[in-house]
C-alpha atoms as a PDB file:
ATOM      1  CA  MET A   1      98.049  17.415 -42.562  1.00  0.00           C
ATOM      2  CA  LYS A   2      95.525  15.011 -41.811  1.00  0.00           C
ATOM      3  CA  SER A   3      95.024  12.713 -38.379  1.00  0.00           C
ATOM      4  CA  THR A   4      96.056   8.798 -39.795  1.00  0.00           C
ATOM      5  CA  TYR A   5      92.979   7.805 -37.647  1.00  0.00           C
ATOM      6  CA  SER A   6      90.761   9.910 -40.056  1.00  0.00           C
ATOM      7  CA  SER A   7      89.594   6.699 -41.506  1.00  0.00           C
ATOM      8  CA  GLY A   8      85.844   6.504 -40.822  1.00  0.00           C
ATOM      9  CA  GLU A   9      85.833   4.493 -38.261  1.00  0.00           C
ATOM     10  CA  GLY A  10      84.642   7.348 -35.303  1.00  0.00           C
ATOM     11  CA  GLY A  11      87.093   8.731 -33.106  1.00  0.00           C
ATOM     12  CA  ASP A  12      87.946  12.716 -32.845  1.00  0.00           C
ATOM     13  CA  CYS A  13      90.327  13.537 -35.662  1.00  0.00           C
ATOM     14  CA  VAL A  14      91.627  16.983 -36.812  1.00  0.00           C
ATOM     15  CA  GLU A  15      93.279  18.338 -40.208  1.00  0.00           C
ATOM     16  CA  VAL A  16      95.572  20.976 -39.925  1.00  0.00           C
ATOM     17  CA  ALA A  17      97.143  23.370 -42.093  1.00  0.00           C
ATOM     18  CA  THR A  18      99.995  26.224 -41.678  1.00  0.00           C
ATOM     19  CA  GLY A  19      99.860  29.016 -43.136  1.00  0.00           C
ATOM     20  CA  ALA A  20     102.644  32.032 -42.942  1.00  0.00           C
ATOM     21  CA  HIS A  21     100.491  33.659 -39.931  1.00  0.00           C
ATOM     22  CA  THR A  22      97.777  31.762 -39.128  1.00  0.00           C
ATOM     23  CA  VAL A  23      97.174  27.742 -38.341  1.00  0.00           C
ATOM     24  CA  HIS A  24      93.659  26.481 -39.871  1.00  0.00           C
ATOM     25  CA  VAL A  25      92.243  23.545 -38.003  1.00  0.00           C
ATOM     26  CA  ARG A  26      89.270  21.858 -38.703  1.00  0.00           C
ATOM     27  CA  ASP A  27      86.759  18.316 -37.842  1.00  0.00           C
ATOM     28  CA  SER A  28      87.555  16.509 -40.239  1.00  0.00           C
ATOM     29  CA  LYS A  29      84.360  13.992 -40.097  1.00  0.00           C
ATOM     30  CA  ASP A  30      82.577  17.261 -40.541  1.00  0.00           C
ATOM     31  CA  THR A  31      83.614  19.118 -43.019  1.00  0.00           C
ATOM     32  CA  ALA A  32      80.866  21.309 -43.408  1.00  0.00           C
ATOM     33  CA  ARG A  33      81.668  22.826 -39.580  1.00  0.00           C
ATOM     34  CA  PRO A  34      83.451  25.756 -39.894  1.00  0.00           C
ATOM     35  CA  GLY A  35      87.299  25.374 -38.390  1.00  0.00           C
ATOM     36  CA  LEU A  36      89.489  27.551 -35.937  1.00  0.00           C
ATOM     37  CA  ALA A  37      91.577  29.784 -37.260  1.00  0.00           C
ATOM     38  CA  VAL A  38      94.761  30.597 -34.226  1.00  0.00           C
ATOM     39  CA  ALA A  39      97.791  32.328 -34.190  1.00  0.00           C
ATOM     40  CA  PRO A  40     100.655  29.693 -35.027  1.00  0.00           C
ATOM     41  CA  LEU A  41     102.191  30.489 -31.208  1.00  0.00           C
ATOM     42  CA  ALA A  42      98.972  29.517 -29.990  1.00  0.00           C
ATOM     43  CA  TRP A  43      98.881  26.561 -31.795  1.00  0.00           C
ATOM     44  CA  ALA A  44     102.424  25.270 -30.714  1.00  0.00           C
ATOM     45  CA  ALA A  45     101.512  26.164 -27.131  1.00  0.00           C
ATOM     46  CA  PHE A  46      98.365  23.895 -27.053  1.00  0.00           C
ATOM     47  CA  VAL A  47     100.117  21.482 -29.010  1.00  0.00           C
ATOM     48  CA  GLY A  48     103.179  21.790 -26.026  1.00  0.00           C
ATOM     49  CA  TYR A  49     100.153  21.859 -23.274  1.00  0.00           C
ATOM     50  CA  ALA A  50      98.830  18.271 -25.138  1.00  0.00           C
ATOM     51  CA  VAL A  51     102.030  16.585 -24.930  1.00  0.00           C
ATOM     52  CA  ASP A  52     102.560  17.123 -21.670  1.00  0.00           C
ATOM     53  CA  GLN A  53      99.441  15.985 -20.432  1.00  0.00           C
ATOM     54  CA  ALA A  54      99.871  12.995 -22.682  1.00  0.00           C
ATOM     55  CA  PHE A  55     102.876  11.583 -20.741  1.00  0.00           C
END
C-alpha cells in the first residue's frame, strides 16, 4: 500500500507491505534507504497508538 500523499509534492510518506509474518515499512521518498521489518502485532499496536493520538 502506498500513501496517497506520495505524489512528489513533499511531506512524509510511507509504503507498507504486509506478509504472513512481517510488515515491511519504508520511506516512499527515499527508496534507497533500508526499510523496517516489524511483527504484525507490533505494527497493529503502532497504528492503534497513532489513531488514538490523532483524535
